[in-house]
C-alpha cells in the first residue's frame, strides 16, 4: 500500500512540475499557443505555460511560425503583455469555518476549525501565465527597431529550446 501511495504522490508532483510540450492549446486557458488574425498582416499570438520565460520564448516562436506561414520575412511586436489572470487565486488558501450540529441524545455541539487547502488541478486555476504578443508581419528588409525580429532567425534560435 505504501508503494502505491508513494508512486501516486511522485506522479502527482511530476505532473505539477512539468511543462507541457510545445503545441496548440487544446482549449482556452490550456497550456499551448493560440493565434488570431486581426487584419491583413496583423496577428495576436499567445502562449500559456507555467514558466513565464518559456511562455515568452514560445510566443515569440509562434510569432515567427505565423510570419513564415504567411510568406513574410519579419515581424514586429506592436503590443505585448503577460496575463496572470489564469493564476490569480492559485496557491494555498486558508479558511475559517464554524458549524453546528445536534448530537445523539439531544446534545448539541459547535465546532470551530481552521484549514488550509491546496488546489490540485481540475476546474481550478492552473498557476499558468499567458504571454500575449500583437504582431505586424512584413517582407523585405527588417526594420531597424528593437521590436522587429527576423522570423527565420527566431525560428532557428528558439525551436530547439521549445521542443526540449
C-alpha atoms as a PDB file:
ATOM      1  CA  UNK A   1       0.000   0.000   0.000  1.00  0.00           C
ATOM      2  CA  UNK A   2       2.855   2.377   0.857  1.00  0.00           C
ATOM      3  CA  UNK A   3       4.444   1.701  -2.515  1.00  0.00           C
ATOM      4  CA  UNK A   4       1.240   2.613  -4.340  1.00  0.00           C
ATOM      5  CA  UNK A   5       0.801   5.810  -2.333  1.00  0.00           C
ATOM      6  CA  UNK A   6       4.450   6.772  -2.897  1.00  0.00           C
ATOM      7  CA  UNK A   7       4.160   6.198  -6.635  1.00  0.00           C
ATOM      8  CA  UNK A   8       0.928   8.210  -6.763  1.00  0.00           C
ATOM      9  CA  UNK A   9       2.489  11.104  -4.848  1.00  0.00           C
ATOM     10  CA  UNK A  10       5.582  11.081  -7.064  1.00  0.00           C
ATOM     11  CA  UNK A  11       3.434  11.076 -10.194  1.00  0.00           C
ATOM     12  CA  UNK A  12       1.369  13.991  -8.907  1.00  0.00           C
ATOM     13  CA  UNK A  13       4.466  16.052  -8.136  1.00  0.00           C
ATOM     14  CA  UNK A  14       5.977  15.275 -11.548  1.00  0.00           C
ATOM     15  CA  UNK A  15       2.744  16.232 -13.324  1.00  0.00           C
ATOM     16  CA  UNK A  16       2.545  19.538 -11.479  1.00  0.00           C
ATOM     17  CA  UNK A  17       6.174  20.430 -12.118  1.00  0.00           C
ATOM     18  CA  UNK A  18       6.400  19.594 -15.802  1.00  0.00           C
ATOM     19  CA  UNK A  19       5.900  21.988 -18.661  1.00  0.00           C
ATOM     20  CA  UNK A  20       3.607  20.959 -21.489  1.00  0.00           C
ATOM     21  CA  UNK A  21       5.256  20.222 -24.840  1.00  0.00           C
ATOM     22  CA  UNK A  22       5.202  22.998 -27.465  1.00  0.00           C
ATOM     23  CA  UNK A  23       1.977  22.972 -29.455  1.00  0.00           C
ATOM     24  CA  UNK A  24      -1.512  24.414 -29.759  1.00  0.00           C
ATOM     25  CA  UNK A  25      -3.731  24.835 -26.705  1.00  0.00           C
ATOM     26  CA  UNK A  26      -6.456  22.200 -26.529  1.00  0.00           C
ATOM     27  CA  UNK A  27      -8.969  24.732 -25.155  1.00  0.00           C
ATOM     28  CA  UNK A  28      -8.950  28.359 -23.944  1.00  0.00           C
ATOM     29  CA  UNK A  29      -6.666  28.751 -20.938  1.00  0.00           C
ATOM     30  CA  UNK A  30      -4.910  25.424 -21.527  1.00  0.00           C
ATOM     31  CA  UNK A  31      -1.155  25.141 -21.993  1.00  0.00           C
ATOM     32  CA  UNK A  32      -0.016  25.901 -25.544  1.00  0.00           C
ATOM     33  CA  UNK A  33      -0.411  28.552 -28.210  1.00  0.00           C
ATOM     34  CA  UNK A  34      -3.361  30.371 -29.686  1.00  0.00           C
ATOM     35  CA  UNK A  35      -3.288  32.545 -32.803  1.00  0.00           C
ATOM     36  CA  UNK A  36      -5.830  35.003 -34.140  1.00  0.00           C
ATOM     37  CA  UNK A  37      -5.550  37.067 -37.317  1.00  0.00           C
ATOM     38  CA  UNK A  38      -6.738  40.588 -36.550  1.00  0.00           C
ATOM     39  CA  UNK A  39      -6.414  42.010 -40.071  1.00  0.00           C
ATOM     40  CA  UNK A  40      -4.096  41.583 -43.062  1.00  0.00           C
ATOM     41  CA  UNK A  41      -0.519  41.173 -41.775  1.00  0.00           C
ATOM     42  CA  UNK A  42      -1.611  41.706 -38.131  1.00  0.00           C
ATOM     43  CA  UNK A  43      -1.978  38.874 -35.588  1.00  0.00           C
ATOM     44  CA  UNK A  44      -2.443  38.241 -31.888  1.00  0.00           C
ATOM     45  CA  UNK A  45      -0.304  35.339 -30.710  1.00  0.00           C
ATOM     46  CA  UNK A  46      -0.393  33.957 -27.185  1.00  0.00           C
ATOM     47  CA  UNK A  47       1.311  31.155 -25.335  1.00  0.00           C
ATOM     48  CA  UNK A  48       0.303  29.755 -21.939  1.00  0.00           C
ATOM     49  CA  UNK A  49       2.829  27.957 -19.752  1.00  0.00           C
ATOM     50  CA  UNK A  50       3.647  27.559 -16.060  1.00  0.00           C
ATOM     51  CA  UNK A  51       7.084  29.104 -16.678  1.00  0.00           C
ATOM     52  CA  UNK A  52       6.829  32.820 -17.656  1.00  0.00           C
ATOM     53  CA  UNK A  53      10.175  32.736 -19.523  1.00  0.00           C
ATOM     54  CA  UNK A  54       9.072  29.730 -21.581  1.00  0.00           C
ATOM     55  CA  UNK A  55       5.718  31.388 -22.289  1.00  0.00           C
ATOM     56  CA  UNK A  56       7.562  34.441 -23.647  1.00  0.00           C
ATOM     57  CA  UNK A  57      10.022  32.476 -25.796  1.00  0.00           C
ATOM     58  CA  UNK A  58       7.321  30.186 -27.142  1.00  0.00           C
ATOM     59  CA  UNK A  59       5.082  33.153 -28.001  1.00  0.00           C
ATOM     60  CA  UNK A  60       7.999  34.615 -30.000  1.00  0.00           C
ATOM     61  CA  UNK A  61       8.497  31.243 -31.700  1.00  0.00           C
ATOM     62  CA  UNK A  62       4.808  31.086 -32.611  1.00  0.00           C
ATOM     63  CA  UNK A  63       5.013  34.649 -33.986  1.00  0.00           C
ATOM     64  CA  UNK A  64       7.914  33.532 -36.193  1.00  0.00           C
ATOM     65  CA  UNK A  65       5.943  30.495 -37.389  1.00  0.00           C
ATOM     66  CA  UNK A  66       2.899  32.616 -38.242  1.00  0.00           C
ATOM     67  CA  UNK A  67       5.125  35.054 -40.133  1.00  0.00           C
ATOM     68  CA  UNK A  68       6.809  32.313 -42.167  1.00  0.00           C
ATOM     69  CA  UNK A  69       3.479  30.535 -42.842  1.00  0.00           C
ATOM     70  CA  UNK A  70       2.170  33.826 -44.283  1.00  0.00           C
ATOM     71  CA  UNK A  71       5.209  34.001 -46.613  1.00  0.00           C
ATOM     72  CA  UNK A  72       6.675  37.003 -44.777  1.00  0.00           C
ATOM     73  CA  UNK A  73      10.245  37.685 -43.652  1.00  0.00           C
ATOM     74  CA  UNK A  74       9.974  39.614 -40.392  1.00  0.00           C
ATOM     75  CA  UNK A  75       7.546  40.555 -37.648  1.00  0.00           C
ATOM     76  CA  UNK A  76       7.330  43.474 -35.262  1.00  0.00           C
ATOM     77  CA  UNK A  77       5.811  43.278 -31.793  1.00  0.00           C
ATOM     78  CA  UNK A  78       3.423  46.221 -31.512  1.00  0.00           C
ATOM     79  CA  UNK A  79       1.991  45.269 -28.113  1.00  0.00           C
ATOM     80  CA  UNK A  80       2.968  42.686 -25.514  1.00  0.00           C
ATOM     81  CA  UNK A  81       1.718  41.766 -22.073  1.00  0.00           C
ATOM     82  CA  UNK A  82       1.632  38.846 -19.667  1.00  0.00           C
ATOM     83  CA  UNK A  83      -1.790  37.770 -18.450  1.00  0.00           C
ATOM     84  CA  UNK A  84      -1.588  36.270 -14.983  1.00  0.00           C
ATOM     85  CA  UNK A  85      -5.351  36.040 -14.526  1.00  0.00           C
ATOM     86  CA  UNK A  86      -5.168  32.283 -15.039  1.00  0.00           C
ATOM     87  CA  UNK A  87      -3.039  32.064 -11.926  1.00  0.00           C
ATOM     88  CA  UNK A  88      -4.970  34.569  -9.830  1.00  0.00           C
ATOM     89  CA  UNK A  89      -6.112  32.748  -6.761  1.00  0.00           C
ATOM     90  CA  UNK A  90      -3.734  29.841  -7.207  1.00  0.00           C
ATOM     91  CA  UNK A  91      -1.586  28.595  -4.414  1.00  0.00           C
ATOM     92  CA  UNK A  92      -2.715  27.766  -0.907  1.00  0.00           C
ATOM     93  CA  UNK A  93      -5.892  29.065   0.619  1.00  0.00           C
ATOM     94  CA  UNK A  94      -6.808  29.440   4.250  1.00  0.00           C
ATOM     95  CA  UNK A  95     -10.275  29.380   5.642  1.00  0.00           C
ATOM     96  CA  UNK A  96     -12.118  29.517   8.938  1.00  0.00           C
ATOM     97  CA  UNK A  97     -15.295  27.528   9.418  1.00  0.00           C
ATOM     98  CA  UNK A  98     -17.930  27.466  12.131  1.00  0.00           C
ATOM     99  CA  UNK A  99     -20.521  24.775  12.197  1.00  0.00           C
ATOM    100  CA  UNK A 100     -23.103  23.303  14.458  1.00  0.00           C
ATOM    101  CA  UNK A 101     -24.919  20.015  14.774  1.00  0.00           C
ATOM    102  CA  UNK A 102     -27.181  18.126  17.089  1.00  0.00           C
ATOM    103  CA  UNK A 103     -25.624  15.054  18.591  1.00  0.00           C
ATOM    104  CA  UNK A 104     -27.278  11.949  19.877  1.00  0.00           C
ATOM    105  CA  UNK A 105     -29.495  12.105  22.942  1.00  0.00           C
ATOM    106  CA  UNK A 106     -30.416  15.736  22.286  1.00  0.00           C
ATOM    107  CA  UNK A 107     -26.962  17.153  22.927  1.00  0.00           C
ATOM    108  CA  UNK A 108     -25.744  19.893  20.593  1.00  0.00           C
ATOM    109  CA  UNK A 109     -22.237  20.997  19.777  1.00  0.00           C
ATOM    110  CA  UNK A 110     -20.479  23.803  17.994  1.00  0.00           C
ATOM    111  CA  UNK A 111     -17.120  23.401  16.310  1.00  0.00           C
ATOM    112  CA  UNK A 112     -14.582  25.880  15.018  1.00  0.00           C
ATOM    113  CA  UNK A 113     -11.899  24.902  12.542  1.00  0.00           C
ATOM    114  CA  UNK A 114      -9.054  26.469  10.650  1.00  0.00           C
ATOM    115  CA  UNK A 115      -7.926  24.850   7.435  1.00  0.00           C
ATOM    116  CA  UNK A 116      -5.566  25.266   4.547  1.00  0.00           C
ATOM    117  CA  UNK A 117      -6.234  23.997   1.050  1.00  0.00           C
ATOM    118  CA  UNK A 118      -4.038  23.384  -1.970  1.00  0.00           C
ATOM    119  CA  UNK A 119      -5.523  23.335  -5.475  1.00  0.00           C
ATOM    120  CA  UNK A 120      -4.635  20.100  -7.249  1.00  0.00           C
ATOM    121  CA  UNK A 121      -5.913  20.905 -10.733  1.00  0.00           C
ATOM    122  CA  UNK A 122      -9.259  20.056 -12.238  1.00  0.00           C
ATOM    123  CA  UNK A 123     -11.564  23.026 -12.661  1.00  0.00           C
ATOM    124  CA  UNK A 124      -9.344  25.229 -10.507  1.00  0.00           C
ATOM    125  CA  UNK A 125      -6.520  27.507 -11.527  1.00  0.00           C
ATOM    126  CA  UNK A 126      -3.546  26.233 -13.494  1.00  0.00           C
ATOM    127  CA  UNK A 127      -0.918  28.534 -11.996  1.00  0.00           C
ATOM    128  CA  UNK A 128      -0.006  29.494 -15.550  1.00  0.00           C
ATOM    129  CA  UNK A 129       0.904  32.729 -17.276  1.00  0.00           C
ATOM    130  CA  UNK A 130      -0.173  33.685 -20.787  1.00  0.00           C
ATOM    131  CA  UNK A 131       2.228  35.800 -22.830  1.00  0.00           C
ATOM    132  CA  UNK A 132       0.335  37.779 -25.470  1.00  0.00           C
ATOM    133  CA  UNK A 133       2.033  39.402 -28.476  1.00  0.00           C
ATOM    134  CA  UNK A 134       0.357  41.539 -31.098  1.00  0.00           C
ATOM    135  CA  UNK A 135       2.480  41.489 -34.235  1.00  0.00           C
ATOM    136  CA  UNK A 136       2.660  43.001 -37.695  1.00  0.00           C
ATOM    137  CA  UNK A 137       4.369  40.958 -40.416  1.00  0.00           C
ATOM    138  CA  UNK A 138       6.289  42.202 -43.434  1.00  0.00           C
ATOM    139  CA  UNK A 139       8.553  41.285 -46.325  1.00  0.00           C
ATOM    140  CA  UNK A 140      11.942  42.551 -47.353  1.00  0.00           C
ATOM    141  CA  UNK A 141      14.469  44.116 -45.046  1.00  0.00           C
ATOM    142  CA  UNK A 142      13.621  44.021 -41.354  1.00  0.00           C
ATOM    143  CA  UNK A 143      13.025  47.466 -39.804  1.00  0.00           C
ATOM    144  CA  UNK A 144      15.902  48.687 -37.645  1.00  0.00           C
ATOM    145  CA  UNK A 145      13.951  48.743 -34.376  1.00  0.00           C
ATOM    146  CA  UNK A 146      14.410  46.610 -31.263  1.00  0.00           C
ATOM    147  CA  UNK A 147      10.790  45.414 -31.533  1.00  0.00           C
ATOM    148  CA  UNK A 148      11.337  43.929 -35.017  1.00  0.00           C
ATOM    149  CA  UNK A 149      12.547  40.336 -35.461  1.00  0.00           C
ATOM    150  CA  UNK A 150      13.815  38.273 -38.380  1.00  0.00           C
ATOM    151  CA  UNK A 151      11.364  35.358 -38.451  1.00  0.00           C
ATOM    152  CA  UNK A 152      13.865  32.762 -39.707  1.00  0.00           C
ATOM    153  CA  UNK A 153      16.425  33.652 -37.052  1.00  0.00           C
ATOM    154  CA  UNK A 154      13.847  33.479 -34.264  1.00  0.00           C
ATOM    155  CA  UNK A 155      12.601  30.132 -35.572  1.00  0.00           C
ATOM    156  CA  UNK A 156      16.120  28.676 -35.738  1.00  0.00           C
ATOM    157  CA  UNK A 157      17.225  30.017 -32.354  1.00  0.00           C
ATOM    158  CA  UNK A 158      14.115  29.199 -30.314  1.00  0.00           C
ATOM    159  CA  UNK A 159      12.865  25.957 -31.881  1.00  0.00           C
ATOM    160  CA  UNK A 160      15.355  23.628 -30.155  1.00  0.00           C
ATOM    161  CA  UNK A 161      14.619  25.159 -26.746  1.00  0.00           C
ATOM    162  CA  UNK A 162      10.856  24.961 -27.309  1.00  0.00           C
ATOM    163  CA  UNK A 163      10.771  21.273 -28.146  1.00  0.00           C
ATOM    164  CA  UNK A 164      13.052  20.181 -25.300  1.00  0.00           C
END
